[in-house]
Amino acid sequence: MDELRLDGNAAAGPLGEVFSFEVTTAEYACRGCGRAGKLGEAMVYEVRDLGTIIRCPDCDSALIRLAHNRGRYLVDLGGMSYLMTG
C-alpha cells in the first residue's frame, strides 16, 4: 500500500468537495484524547486508491476517514466530538 503523510492543510482539496466551508480552519475536538485545535494542524494520510485519513497529532486517533468511490463520498467523522466552523 502506498501511503503519504502530510499536514492537515493537504486535506483541503478532498474535504472541500464535501464541505461548503474552509475546513482547515474549522476547530475540532478529538474523541480519543480531548485535544481541541484547527483541522489544519492535524496529520493527513493519503492512501492511494483507498482515501484520506485525518489523525489527531497528539494521540494518532482517526478523526476523519474519507473515501471516494464511483462518484460518491463516504465520510466518517466518528473520531471527533465536534467540528466547528470559524
Protein backbone atom coordinates (compact mmCIF):
# COMPACT_ATOMS: atom_id res chain seq x y z
CA MET A 1 0.00 0.00 0.00
CA ASP A 2 1.37 3.41 -0.95
CA GLU A 3 0.83 5.89 1.92
CA LEU A 4 1.73 9.58 2.07
CA ARG A 5 1.81 11.58 5.35
CA LEU A 6 1.05 15.33 5.16
CA ASP A 7 -0.17 18.12 7.42
CA GLY A 8 -3.87 18.90 7.76
CA ASN A 9 -3.85 21.55 5.05
CA ALA A 10 -3.40 18.79 2.48
CA ALA A 11 -6.97 17.68 3.21
CA ALA A 12 -8.40 20.98 1.92
CA GLY A 13 -8.98 19.60 -1.58
CA PRO A 14 -10.75 16.34 -0.77
CA LEU A 15 -12.74 17.82 2.13
CA GLY A 16 -13.62 20.88 0.02
CA GLU A 17 -15.57 18.50 -2.21
CA VAL A 18 -17.76 17.57 0.77
CA PHE A 19 -17.99 20.67 2.98
CA SER A 20 -19.04 24.17 1.88
CA PHE A 21 -16.72 25.97 4.34
CA GLU A 22 -12.94 26.25 4.71
CA VAL A 23 -12.46 23.04 6.66
CA THR A 24 -8.78 23.51 7.53
CA THR A 25 -9.65 26.49 9.76
CA ALA A 26 -12.51 24.65 11.46
CA GLU A 27 -11.99 23.68 15.09
CA TYR A 28 -12.33 20.08 16.21
CA ALA A 29 -12.11 18.10 19.44
CA CYS A 30 -10.59 14.62 19.35
CA ARG A 31 -12.84 11.95 20.82
CA GLY A 32 -9.75 9.92 21.79
CA CYS A 33 -7.75 12.40 23.88
CA GLY A 34 -9.90 15.54 24.02
CA ARG A 35 -7.39 17.72 22.15
CA ALA A 36 -9.01 20.76 20.54
CA GLY A 37 -7.41 22.53 17.61
CA LYS A 38 -7.70 23.61 14.00
CA LEU A 39 -8.12 20.79 11.50
CA GLY A 40 -5.18 22.20 9.54
CA GLU A 41 -2.94 21.15 12.46
CA ALA A 42 -3.95 17.50 12.20
CA MET A 43 -1.97 14.85 10.30
CA VAL A 44 -3.25 13.64 6.93
CA TYR A 45 -2.53 10.24 5.47
CA GLU A 46 -3.46 9.77 1.83
CA VAL A 47 -3.57 6.15 0.82
CA ARG A 48 -3.54 5.72 -2.94
CA ASP A 49 -6.75 4.16 -4.27
CA LEU A 50 -8.30 3.98 -0.77
CA GLY A 51 -8.84 7.51 0.51
CA THR A 52 -7.74 10.01 3.13
CA ILE A 53 -7.41 9.61 6.90
CA ILE A 54 -7.01 12.66 9.14
CA ARG A 55 -5.45 11.85 12.52
CA CYS A 56 -5.02 13.68 15.80
CA PRO A 57 -1.44 14.96 16.13
CA ASP A 58 -1.40 14.09 19.85
CA CYS A 59 -2.88 10.58 20.14
CA ASP A 60 -2.96 9.47 16.47
CA SER A 61 -6.69 8.61 16.62
CA ALA A 62 -8.50 8.79 13.28
CA LEU A 63 -10.58 11.99 13.31
CA ILE A 64 -11.96 11.76 9.77
CA ARG A 65 -11.97 8.96 7.23
CA LEU A 66 -12.82 10.00 3.67
CA ALA A 67 -13.26 7.65 0.74
CA HIS A 68 -14.32 8.43 -2.82
CA ASN A 69 -15.79 5.66 -4.92
CA ARG A 70 -17.92 5.70 -8.07
CA GLY A 71 -18.58 9.44 -7.82
CA ARG A 72 -19.76 9.28 -4.21
CA TYR A 73 -18.08 10.23 -0.94
CA LEU A 74 -18.15 8.29 2.30
CA VAL A 75 -17.22 10.45 5.31
CA ASP A 76 -16.73 9.08 8.83
CA LEU A 77 -16.47 11.84 11.46
CA GLY A 78 -16.67 9.43 14.41
CA GLY A 79 -13.26 10.36 15.80
CA MET A 80 -14.35 13.88 16.71
CA SER A 81 -16.58 15.19 19.47
CA TYR A 82 -17.36 18.21 17.29
CA LEU A 83 -16.34 20.12 14.17
CA MET A 84 -17.00 23.88 14.36
CA THR A 85 -16.58 26.48 11.62
CA GLY A 86 -14.83 29.78 12.08
